[in-house]
Amino acid sequence: MAMIEHNPIIDLNLSKQDVESYILSHGWQQIDHPNKKLQVFAGLVGNDGRAIRLVLPVGNDLKDTPLRIYQAVQTIADVEDRSLDAVVADIEKVKASR
């Protein structure tokens, strides 16, 4: 098994809770998933007719948490057709309002 090393490029300085608050406020719904280390959310319907899914770790303490957060924010940016920086800025606004 390959180890995932910390990469500062993918560390957006956001917590799992920051991203979760943002997506829940934008209509994403948590769905059941058999892996209890993951939270899965369904959002808009994609071109294939299926709901787009977003995966977050259950906490911030796993080694790959920064990578998973980066992937989730990238998915949000793709779905919303916005830049990664714009989505991060909006997540930070939600974070500041909590």
PDB file of N, CA and C in Angstrom:
ATOM      1  N   MET A   1       0.847  -1.173   0.000  1.00  0.00           N
ATOM      2  CA  MET A   1       0.000   0.000   0.000  1.00  0.00           C
ATOM      3  C   MET A   1       0.897   1.242   0.000  1.00  0.00           C
ATOM      4  N   ALA A   2       0.640   2.148  -0.909  1.00  0.00           N
ATOM      5  CA  ALA A   2       1.415   3.380  -1.008  1.00  0.00           C
ATOM      6  C   ALA A   2       0.977   4.363   0.072  1.00  0.00           C
ATOM      7  N   MET A   3       1.935   5.031   0.643  1.00  0.00           N
ATOM      8  CA  MET A   3       1.629   6.041   1.655  1.00  0.00           C
ATOM      9  C   MET A   3       1.326   7.369   0.971  1.00  0.00           C
ATOM     10  N   ILE A   4       0.355   8.076   1.471  1.00  0.00           N
ATOM     11  CA  ILE A   4       0.032   9.403   0.958  1.00  0.00           C
ATOM     12  C   ILE A   4       0.770  10.410   1.821  1.00  0.00           C
ATOM     13  N   GLU A   5       1.661  11.141   1.190  1.00  0.00           N
ATOM     14  CA  GLU A   5       2.438  12.125   1.923  1.00  0.00           C
ATOM     15  C   GLU A   5       1.725  13.470   1.918  1.00  0.00           C
ATOM     16  N   HIS A   6       2.014  14.259   2.930  1.00  0.00           N
ATOM     17  CA  HIS A   6       1.432  15.591   3.004  1.00  0.00           C
ATOM     18  C   HIS A   6       1.973  16.435   1.853  1.00  0.00           C
ATOM     19  N   ASN A   7       1.097  17.077   1.146  1.00  0.00           N
ATOM     20  CA  ASN A   7       1.474  17.929   0.024  1.00  0.00           C
ATOM     21  C   ASN A   7       0.845  19.297   0.267  1.00  0.00           C
ATOM     22  N   PRO A   8       1.633  20.331   0.521  1.00  0.00           N
ATOM     23  CA  PRO A   8       1.068  21.646   0.835  1.00  0.00           C
ATOM     24  C   PRO A   8       0.204  22.220  -0.284  1.00  0.00           C
ATOM     25  N   ILE A   9       0.392  21.762  -1.509  1.00  0.00           N
ATOM     26  CA  ILE A   9      -0.407  22.266  -2.621  1.00  0.00           C
ATOM     27  C   ILE A   9      -1.870  21.880  -2.456  1.00  0.00           C
ATOM     28  N   ILE A  10      -2.124  20.711  -1.868  1.00  0.00           N
ATOM     29  CA  ILE A  10      -3.506  20.262  -1.736  1.00  0.00           C
ATOM     30  C   ILE A  10      -4.121  20.633  -0.387  1.00  0.00           C
ATOM     31  N   ASP A  11      -3.348  21.212   0.504  1.00  0.00           N
ATOM     32  CA  ASP A  11      -3.887  21.593   1.811  1.00  0.00           C
ATOM     33  C   ASP A  11      -4.527  22.968   1.707  1.00  0.00           C
ATOM     34  N   LEU A  12      -5.856  23.000   1.714  1.00  0.00           N
ATOM     35  CA  LEU A  12      -6.594  24.248   1.553  1.00  0.00           C
ATOM     36  C   LEU A  12      -6.856  24.959   2.872  1.00  0.00           C
ATOM     37  N   ASN A  13      -6.342  24.397   3.968  1.00  0.00           N
ATOM     38  CA  ASN A  13      -6.547  24.962   5.292  1.00  0.00           C
ATOM     39  C   ASN A  13      -8.029  25.033   5.647  1.00  0.00           C
ATOM     40  N   LEU A  14      -8.755  24.004   5.222  1.00  0.00           N
ATOM     41  CA  LEU A  14     -10.164  23.863   5.552  1.00  0.00           C
ATOM     42  C   LEU A  14     -10.351  22.561   6.305  1.00  0.00           C
ATOM     43  N   SER A  15     -11.294  22.547   7.229  1.00  0.00           N
ATOM     44  CA  SER A  15     -11.596  21.307   7.925  1.00  0.00           C
ATOM     45  C   SER A  15     -12.737  20.593   7.207  1.00  0.00           C
ATOM     46  N   LYS A  16     -12.894  19.353   7.550  1.00  0.00           N
ATOM     47  CA  LYS A  16     -14.008  18.568   7.025  1.00  0.00           C
ATOM     48  C   LYS A  16     -15.325  19.249   7.384  1.00  0.00           C
ATOM     49  N   GLN A  17     -15.425  19.791   8.589  1.00  0.00           N
ATOM     50  CA  GLN A  17     -16.648  20.456   9.029  1.00  0.00           C
ATOM     51  C   GLN A  17     -16.938  21.711   8.200  1.00  0.00           C
ATOM     52  N   ASP A  18     -15.894  22.423   7.787  1.00  0.00           N
ATOM     53  CA  ASP A  18     -16.081  23.611   6.951  1.00  0.00           C
ATOM     54  C   ASP A  18     -16.745  23.233   5.638  1.00  0.00           C
ATOM     55  N   VAL A  19     -16.219  22.198   4.996  1.00  0.00           N
ATOM     56  CA  VAL A  19     -16.763  21.763   3.711  1.00  0.00           C
ATOM     57  C   VAL A  19     -18.169  21.199   3.891  1.00  0.00           C
ATOM     58  N   GLU A  20     -18.364  20.417   4.942  1.00  0.00           N
ATOM     59  CA  GLU A  20     -19.679  19.829   5.203  1.00  0.00           C
ATOM     60  C   GLU A  20     -20.731  20.919   5.422  1.00  0.00           C
ATOM     61  N   SER A  21     -20.423  21.944   6.184  1.00  0.00           N
ATOM     62  CA  SER A  21     -21.377  23.041   6.406  1.00  0.00           C
ATOM     63  C   SER A  21     -21.751  23.706   5.090  1.00  0.00           C
ATOM     64  N   TYR A  22     -20.755  23.908   4.237  1.00  0.00           N
ATOM     65  CA  TYR A  22     -21.003  24.548   2.942  1.00  0.00           C
ATOM     66  C   TYR A  22     -21.919  23.690   2.075  1.00  0.00           C
ATOM     67  N   ILE A  23     -21.594  22.422   1.925  1.00  0.00           N
ATOM     68  CA  ILE A  23     -22.391  21.598   1.016  1.00  0.00           C
ATOM     69  C   ILE A  23     -23.806  21.387   1.531  1.00  0.00           C
ATOM     70  N   LEU A  24     -23.968  21.235   2.835  1.00  0.00           N
ATOM     71  CA  LEU A  24     -25.324  21.073   3.370  1.00  0.00           C
ATOM     72  C   LEU A  24     -26.156  22.327   3.149  1.00  0.00           C
ATOM     73  N   SER A  25     -25.503  23.492   3.211  1.00  0.00           N
ATOM     74  CA  SER A  25     -26.236  24.741   2.979  1.00  0.00           C
ATOM     75  C   SER A  25     -26.529  24.970   1.499  1.00  0.00           C
ATOM     76  N   HIS A  26     -25.938  24.130   0.632  1.00  0.00           N
ATOM     77  CA  HIS A  26     -26.156  24.248  -0.809  1.00  0.00           C
ATOM     78  C   HIS A  26     -26.915  23.051  -1.384  1.00  0.00           C
ATOM     79  N   GLY A  27     -27.657  22.356  -0.530  1.00  0.00           N
ATOM     80  CA  GLY A  27     -28.575  21.330  -1.006  1.00  0.00           C
ATOM     81  C   GLY A  27     -28.049  19.918  -1.136  1.00  0.00           C
ATOM     82  N   TRP A  28     -26.795  19.686  -0.810  1.00  0.00           N
ATOM     83  CA  TRP A  28     -26.285  18.323  -0.838  1.00  0.00           C
ATOM     84  C   TRP A  28     -26.911  17.544   0.315  1.00  0.00           C
ATOM     85  N   GLN A  29     -27.150  16.269   0.109  1.00  0.00           N
ATOM     86  CA  GLN A  29     -27.769  15.415   1.126  1.00  0.00           C
ATOM     87  C   GLN A  29     -26.827  14.272   1.477  1.00  0.00           C
ATOM     88  N   GLN A  30     -26.662  14.012   2.781  1.00  0.00           N
ATOM     89  CA  GLN A  30     -25.837  12.872   3.173  1.00  0.00           C
ATOM     90  C   GLN A  30     -26.587  11.586   2.858  1.00  0.00           C
ATOM     91  N   ILE A  31     -25.865  10.615   2.318  1.00  0.00           N
ATOM     92  CA  ILE A  31     -26.457   9.313   2.016  1.00  0.00           C
ATOM     93  C   ILE A  31     -25.673   8.234   2.750  1.00  0.00           C
ATOM     94  N   ASP A  32     -26.300   7.095   2.951  1.00  0.00           N
ATOM     95  CA  ASP A  32     -25.652   5.989   3.648  1.00  0.00           C
ATOM     96  C   ASP A  32     -24.502   5.434   2.820  1.00  0.00           C
ATOM     97  N   HIS A  33     -23.466   5.001   3.539  1.00  0.00           N
ATOM     98  CA  HIS A  33     -22.318   4.381   2.898  1.00  0.00           C
ATOM     99  C   HIS A  33     -21.774   3.328   3.857  1.00  0.00           C
ATOM    100  N   PRO A  34     -21.395   2.152   3.344  1.00  0.00           N
ATOM    101  CA  PRO A  34     -20.953   1.078   4.248  1.00  0.00           C
ATOM    102  C   PRO A  34     -19.631   1.343   4.969  1.00  0.00           C
ATOM    103  N   ASN A  35     -18.766   2.188   4.402  1.00  0.00           N
ATOM    104  CA  ASN A  35     -17.491   2.499   5.041  1.00  0.00           C
ATOM    105  C   ASN A  35     -17.720   3.595   6.075  1.00  0.00           C
ATOM    106  N   LYS A  36     -17.590   3.250   7.326  1.00  0.00           N
ATOM    107  CA  LYS A  36     -17.882   4.189   8.415  1.00  0.00           C
ATOM    108  C   LYS A  36     -16.801   5.255   8.593  1.00  0.00           C
ATOM    109  N   LYS A  37     -15.716   5.198   7.801  1.00  0.00           N
ATOM    110  CA  LYS A  37     -14.683   6.230   7.849  1.00  0.00           C
ATOM    111  C   LYS A  37     -14.969   7.343   6.843  1.00  0.00           C
ATOM    112  N   LEU A  38     -16.045   7.179   6.082  1.00  0.00           N
ATOM    113  CA  LEU A  38     -16.386   8.150   5.042  1.00  0.00           C
ATOM    114  C   LEU A  38     -17.805   8.656   5.214  1.00  0.00           C
ATOM    115  N   GLN A  39     -18.014   9.893   4.813  1.00  0.00           N
ATOM    116  CA  GLN A  39     -19.357  10.448   4.684  1.00  0.00           C
ATOM    117  C   GLN A  39     -19.547  10.729   3.203  1.00  0.00           C
ATOM    118  N   VAL A  40     -20.669  10.302   2.678  1.00  0.00           N
ATOM    119  CA  VAL A  40     -20.951  10.485   1.262  1.00  0.00           C
ATOM    120  C   VAL A  40     -22.184  11.373   1.137  1.00  0.00           C
ATOM    121  N   PHE A  41     -22.105  12.313   0.206  1.00  0.00           N
ATOM    122  CA  PHE A  41     -23.179  13.266  -0.029  1.00  0.00           C
ATOM    123  C   PHE A  41     -23.576  13.204  -1.496  1.00  0.00           C
ATOM    124  N   ALA A  42     -24.860  13.358  -1.760  1.00  0.00           N
ATOM    125  CA  ALA A  42     -25.362  13.393  -3.132  1.00  0.00           C
ATOM    126  C   ALA A  42     -25.824  14.813  -3.426  1.00  0.00           C
ATOM    127  N   GLY A  43     -25.496  15.250  -4.624  1.00  0.00           N
ATOM    128  CA  GLY A  43     -25.846  16.607  -5.025  1.00  0.00           C
ATOM    129  C   GLY A  43     -26.681  16.612  -6.285  1.00  0.00           C
ATOM    130  N   LEU A  44     -26.375  17.530  -7.169  1.00  0.00           N
ATOM    131  CA  LEU A  44     -27.104  17.665  -8.419  1.00  0.00           C
ATOM    132  C   LEU A  44     -26.980  16.417  -9.269  1.00  0.00           C
ATOM    133  N   VAL A  45     -27.890  16.277 -10.204  1.00  0.00           N
ATOM    134  CA  VAL A  45     -27.856  15.152 -11.130  1.00  0.00           C
ATOM    135  C   VAL A  45     -26.914  15.498 -12.278  1.00  0.00           C
ATOM    136  N   GLY A  46     -26.011  14.581 -12.581  1.00  0.00           N
ATOM    137  CA  GLY A  46     -25.044  14.784 -13.654  1.00  0.00           C
ATOM    138  C   GLY A  46     -25.636  14.466 -15.015  1.00  0.00           C
ATOM    139  N   ASN A  47     -24.822  14.595 -16.045  1.00  0.00           N
ATOM    140  CA  ASN A  47     -25.257  14.332 -17.416  1.00  0.00           C
ATOM    141  C   ASN A  47     -25.703  12.893 -17.626  1.00  0.00           C
ATOM    142  N   ASP A  48     -25.224  11.988 -16.784  1.00  0.00           N
ATOM    143  CA  ASP A  48     -25.580  10.577 -16.917  1.00  0.00           C
ATOM    144  C   ASP A  48     -26.886  10.238 -16.186  1.00  0.00           C
ATOM    145  N   GLY A  49     -27.537  11.243 -15.580  1.00  0.00           N
ATOM    146  CA  GLY A  49     -28.798  11.020 -14.888  1.00  0.00           C
ATOM    147  C   GLY A  49     -28.660  10.562 -13.453  1.00  0.00           C
ATOM    148  N   ARG A  50     -27.436  10.425 -12.966  1.00  0.00           N
ATOM    149  CA  ARG A  50     -27.224  10.003 -11.580  1.00  0.00           C
ATOM    150  C   ARG A  50     -26.745  11.190 -10.749  1.00  0.00           C
ATOM    151  N   ALA A  51     -27.063  11.125  -9.455  1.00  0.00           N
ATOM    152  CA  ALA A  51     -26.630  12.190  -8.551  1.00  0.00           C
ATOM    153  C   ALA A  51     -25.108  12.197  -8.443  1.00  0.00           C
ATOM    154  N   ILE A  52     -24.534  13.387  -8.466  1.00  0.00           N
ATOM    155  CA  ILE A  52     -23.100  13.544  -8.279  1.00  0.00           C
ATOM    156  C   ILE A  52     -22.803  13.308  -6.807  1.00  0.00           C
ATOM    157  N   ARG A  53     -21.784  12.533  -6.533  1.00  0.00           N
ATOM    158  CA  ARG A  53     -21.437  12.206  -5.156  1.00  0.00           C
ATOM    159  C   ARG A  53     -20.140  12.876  -4.746  1.00  0.00           C
ATOM    160  N   LEU A  54     -20.100  13.221  -3.483  1.00  0.00           N
ATOM    161  CA  LEU A  54     -18.947  13.874  -2.894  1.00  0.00           C
ATOM    162  C   LEU A  54     -18.596  13.091  -1.631  1.00  0.00           C
ATOM    163  N   VAL A  55     -17.328  12.811  -1.433  1.00  0.00           N
ATOM    164  CA  VAL A  55     -16.883  11.993  -0.301  1.00  0.00           C
ATOM    165  C   VAL A  55     -15.987  12.811   0.619  1.00  0.00           C
ATOM    166  N   LEU A  56     -16.294  12.740   1.901  1.00  0.00           N
ATOM    167  CA  LEU A  56     -15.465  13.373   2.932  1.00  0.00           C
ATOM    168  C   LEU A  56     -15.103  12.341   3.985  1.00  0.00           C
ATOM    169  N   PRO A  57     -13.951  12.474   4.620  1.00  0.00           N
ATOM    170  CA  PRO A  57     -13.637  11.604   5.755  1.00  0.00           C
ATOM    171  C   PRO A  57     -14.521  11.993   6.938  1.00  0.00           C
ATOM    172  N   VAL A  58     -14.710  11.087   7.881  1.00  0.00           N
ATOM    173  CA  VAL A  58     -15.556  11.414   9.028  1.00  0.00           C
ATOM    174  C   VAL A  58     -14.896  12.400   9.978  1.00  0.00           C
ATOM    175  N   GLY A  59     -13.581  12.535   9.901  1.00  0.00           N
ATOM    176  CA  GLY A  59     -12.882  13.452  10.797  1.00  0.00           C
ATOM    177  C   GLY A  59     -11.692  14.084  10.115  1.00  0.00           C
ATOM    178  N   ASN A  60     -10.968  14.878  10.870  1.00  0.00           N
ATOM    179  CA  ASN A  60      -9.807  15.592  10.345  1.00  0.00           C
ATOM    180  C   ASN A  60      -8.485  14.903  10.658  1.00  0.00           C
ATOM    181  N   ASP A  61      -8.540  13.734  11.304  1.00  0.00           N
ATOM    182  CA  ASP A  61      -7.316  13.126  11.816  1.00  0.00           C
ATOM    183  C   ASP A  61      -6.720  12.037  10.932  1.00  0.00           C
ATOM    184  N   LEU A  62      -7.309  11.749   9.790  1.00  0.00           N
ATOM    185  CA  LEU A  62      -6.753  10.742   8.890  1.00  0.00           C
ATOM    186  C   LEU A  62      -5.659  11.372   8.028  1.00  0.00           C
ATOM    187  N   LYS A  63      -4.664  10.583   7.638  1.00  0.00           N
ATOM    188  CA  LYS A  63      -3.534  11.110   6.864  1.00  0.00           C
ATOM    189  C   LYS A  63      -3.970  11.711   5.537  1.00  0.00           C
ATOM    190  N   ASP A  64      -5.005  11.148   4.935  1.00  0.00           N
ATOM    191  CA  ASP A  64      -5.410  11.631   3.616  1.00  0.00           C
ATOM    192  C   ASP A  64      -6.521  12.680   3.670  1.00  0.00           C
ATOM    193  N   THR A  65      -6.821  13.204   4.853  1.00  0.00           N
ATOM    194  CA  THR A  65      -7.878  14.205   4.975  1.00  0.00           C
ATOM    195  C   THR A  65      -7.643  15.428   4.085  1.00  0.00           C
ATOM    196  N   PRO A  66      -6.444  16.032   4.051  1.00  0.00           N
ATOM    197  CA  PRO A  66      -6.263  17.183   3.146  1.00  0.00           C
ATOM    198  C   PRO A  66      -6.538  16.835   1.680  1.00  0.00           C
ATOM    199  N   LEU A  67      -6.131  15.638   1.262  1.00  0.00           N
ATOM    200  CA  LEU A  67      -6.389  15.208  -0.110  1.00  0.00           C
ATOM    201  C   LEU A  67      -7.882  15.061  -0.359  1.00  0.00           C
ATOM    202  N   ARG A  68      -8.589  14.438   0.559  1.00  0.00           N
ATOM    203  CA  ARG A  68     -10.041  14.239   0.403  1.00  0.00           C
ATOM    204  C   ARG A  68     -10.779  15.573   0.396  1.00  0.00           C
ATOM    205  N   ILE A  69     -10.352  16.511   1.234  1.00  0.00           N
ATOM    206  CA  ILE A  69     -10.975  17.836   1.249  1.00  0.00           C
ATOM    207  C   ILE A  69     -10.710  18.541  -0.080  1.00  0.00           C
ATOM    208  N   TYR A  70      -9.481  18.464  -0.573  1.00  0.00           N
ATOM    209  CA  TYR A  70      -9.149  19.069  -1.861  1.00  0.00           C
ATOM    210  C   TYR A  70     -10.022  18.481  -2.974  1.00  0.00           C
ATOM    211  N   GLN A  71     -10.151  17.151  -2.993  1.00  0.00           N
ATOM    212  CA  GLN A  71     -10.965  16.497  -4.019  1.00  0.00           C
ATOM    213  C   GLN A  71     -12.432  16.929  -3.911  1.00  0.00           C
ATOM    214  N   ALA A  72     -12.937  17.050  -2.691  1.00  0.00           N
ATOM    215  CA  ALA A  72     -14.320  17.474  -2.496  1.00  0.00           C
ATOM    216  C   ALA A  72     -14.527  18.898  -2.989  1.00  0.00           C
ATOM    217  N   VAL A  73     -13.615  19.795  -2.659  1.00  0.00           N
ATOM    218  CA  VAL A  73     -13.735  21.191  -3.084  1.00  0.00           C
ATOM    219  C   VAL A  73     -13.592  21.288  -4.605  1.00  0.00           C
ATOM    220  N   GLN A  74     -12.735  20.475  -5.176  1.00  0.00           N
ATOM    221  CA  GLN A  74     -12.599  20.460  -6.637  1.00  0.00           C
ATOM    222  C   GLN A  74     -13.898  19.981  -7.289  1.00  0.00           C
ATOM    223  N   THR A  75     -14.537  18.984  -6.705  1.00  0.00           N
ATOM    224  CA  THR A  75     -15.829  18.510  -7.209  1.00  0.00           C
ATOM    225  C   THR A  75     -16.865  19.614  -7.134  1.00  0.00           C
ATOM    226  N   ILE A  76     -16.904  20.325  -6.011  1.00  0.00           N
ATOM    227  CA  ILE A  76     -17.843  21.441  -5.859  1.00  0.00           C
ATOM    228  C   ILE A  76     -17.581  22.495  -6.929  1.00  0.00           C
ATOM    229  N   ALA A  77     -16.321  22.841  -7.134  1.00  0.00           N
ATOM    230  CA  ALA A  77     -15.962  23.840  -8.149  1.00  0.00           C
ATOM    231  C   ALA A  77     -16.412  23.389  -9.535  1.00  0.00           C
ATOM    232  N   ASP A  78     -16.221  22.120  -9.839  1.00  0.00           N
ATOM    233  CA  ASP A  78     -16.648  21.591 -11.140  1.00  0.00           C
ATOM    234  C   ASP A  78     -18.172  21.654 -11.289  1.00  0.00           C
ATOM    235  N   VAL A  79     -18.885  21.236 -10.249  1.00  0.00           N
ATOM    236  CA  VAL A  79     -20.354  21.228 -10.287  1.00  0.00           C
ATOM    237  C   VAL A  79     -20.897  22.646 -10.409  1.00  0.00           C
ATOM    238  N   GLU A  80     -20.299  23.576  -9.669  1.00  0.00           N
ATOM    239  CA  GLU A  80     -20.768  24.960  -9.679  1.00  0.00           C
ATOM    240  C   GLU A  80     -20.166  25.775 -10.823  1.00  0.00           C
ATOM    241  N   ASP A  81     -19.286  25.167 -11.592  1.00  0.00           N
ATOM    242  CA  ASP A  81     -18.613  25.817 -12.716  1.00  0.00           C
ATOM    243  C   ASP A  81     -17.940  27.117 -12.275  1.00  0.00           C
ATOM    244  N   ARG A  82     -17.154  26.990 -11.190  1.00  0.00           N
ATOM    245  CA  ARG A  82     -16.416  28.127 -10.640  1.00  0.00           C
ATOM    246  C   ARG A  82     -14.988  27.700 -10.361  1.00  0.00           C
ATOM    247  N   SER A  83     -14.151  28.656 -10.068  1.00  0.00           N
ATOM    248  CA  SER A  83     -12.763  28.327  -9.752  1.00  0.00           C
ATOM    249  C   SER A  83     -12.668  27.738  -8.346  1.00  0.00           C
ATOM    250  N   LEU A  84     -11.611  26.991  -8.142  1.00  0.00           N
ATOM    251  CA  LEU A  84     -11.344  26.434  -6.824  1.00  0.00           C
ATOM    252  C   LEU A  84     -11.217  27.550  -5.794  1.00  0.00           C
ATOM    253  N   ASP A  85     -10.513  28.624  -6.147  1.00  0.00           N
ATOM    254  CA  ASP A  85     -10.322  29.753  -5.219  1.00  0.00           C
ATOM    255  C   ASP A  85     -11.649  30.399  -4.825  1.00  0.00           C
ATOM    256  N   ALA A  86     -12.572  30.519  -5.772  1.00  0.00           N
ATOM    257  CA  ALA A  86     -13.877  31.125  -5.469  1.00  0.00           C
ATOM    258  C   ALA A  86     -14.664  30.252  -4.502  1.00  0.00           C
ATOM    259  N   VAL A  87     -14.601  28.942  -4.693  1.00  0.00           N
ATOM    260  CA  VAL A  87     -15.307  28.031  -3.786  1.00  0.00           C
ATOM    261  C   VAL A  87     -14.680  28.068  -2.405  1.00  0.00           C
ATOM    262  N   VAL A  88     -13.358  28.053  -2.334  1.00  0.00           N
ATOM    263  CA  VAL A  88     -12.672  28.128  -1.037  1.00  0.00           C
ATOM    264  C   VAL A  88     -13.066  29.414  -0.314  1.00  0.00           C
ATOM    265  N   ALA A  89     -13.117  30.528  -1.028  1.00  0.00           N
ATOM    266  CA  ALA A  89     -13.506  31.807  -0.408  1.00  0.00           C
ATOM    267  C   ALA A  89     -14.915  31.728   0.159  1.00  0.00           C
ATOM    268  N   ASP A  90     -15.837  31.089  -0.558  1.00  0.00           N
ATOM    269  CA  ASP A  90     -17.205  30.963  -0.059  1.00  0.00           C
ATOM    270  C   ASP A  90     -17.293  30.012   1.132  1.00  0.00           C
ATOM    271  N   ILE A  91     -16.508  28.950   1.112  1.00  0.00           N
ATOM    272  CA  ILE A  91     -16.472  28.046   2.268  1.00  0.00           C
ATOM    273  C   ILE A  91     -15.929  28.780   3.492  1.00  0.00           C
ATOM    274  N   GLU A  92     -14.934  29.611   3.284  1.00  0.00           N
ATOM    275  CA  GLU A  92     -14.387  30.391   4.393  1.00  0.00           C
ATOM    276  C   GLU A  92     -15.402  31.399   4.941  1.00  0.00           C
ATOM    277  N   LYS A  93     -16.271  31.936   4.073  1.00  0.00           N
ATOM    278  CA  LYS A  93     -17.348  32.822   4.544  1.00  0.00           C
ATOM    279  C   LYS A  93     -18.319  32.058   5.431  1.00  0.00           C
ATOM    280  N   VAL A  94     -18.692  30.837   5.020  1.00  0.00           N
ATOM    281  CA  VAL A  94     -19.582  30.006   5.828  1.00  0.00           C
ATOM    282  C   VAL A  94     -18.914  29.679   7.158  1.00  0.00           C
ATOM    283  N   LYS A  95     -17.618  29.374   7.094  1.00  0.00           N
ATOM    284  CA  LYS A  95     -16.838  29.073   8.301  1.00  0.00           C
ATOM    285  C   LYS A  95     -16.851  30.263   9.261  1.00  0.00           C
ATOM    286  N   ALA A  96     -16.676  31.464   8.735  1.00  0.00           N
ATOM    287  CA  ALA A  96     -16.634  32.663   9.586  1.00  0.00           C
ATOM    288  C   ALA A  96     -17.984  32.977  10.213  1.00  0.00           C
ATOM    289  N   SER A  97     -19.053  32.543   9.579  1.00  0.00           N
ATOM    290  CA  SER A  97     -20.392  32.856  10.082  1.00  0.00           C
ATOM    291  C   SER A  97     -20.864  31.847  11.143  1.00  0.00           C
ATOM    292  N   ARG A  98     -20.085  30.789  11.354  1.00  0.00           N
ATOM    293  CA  ARG A  98     -20.495  29.781  12.360  1.00  0.00           C
ATOM    294  C   ARG A  98     -20.131  30.233  13.741  1.00  0.00           C
TER     295      ARG A  98
END
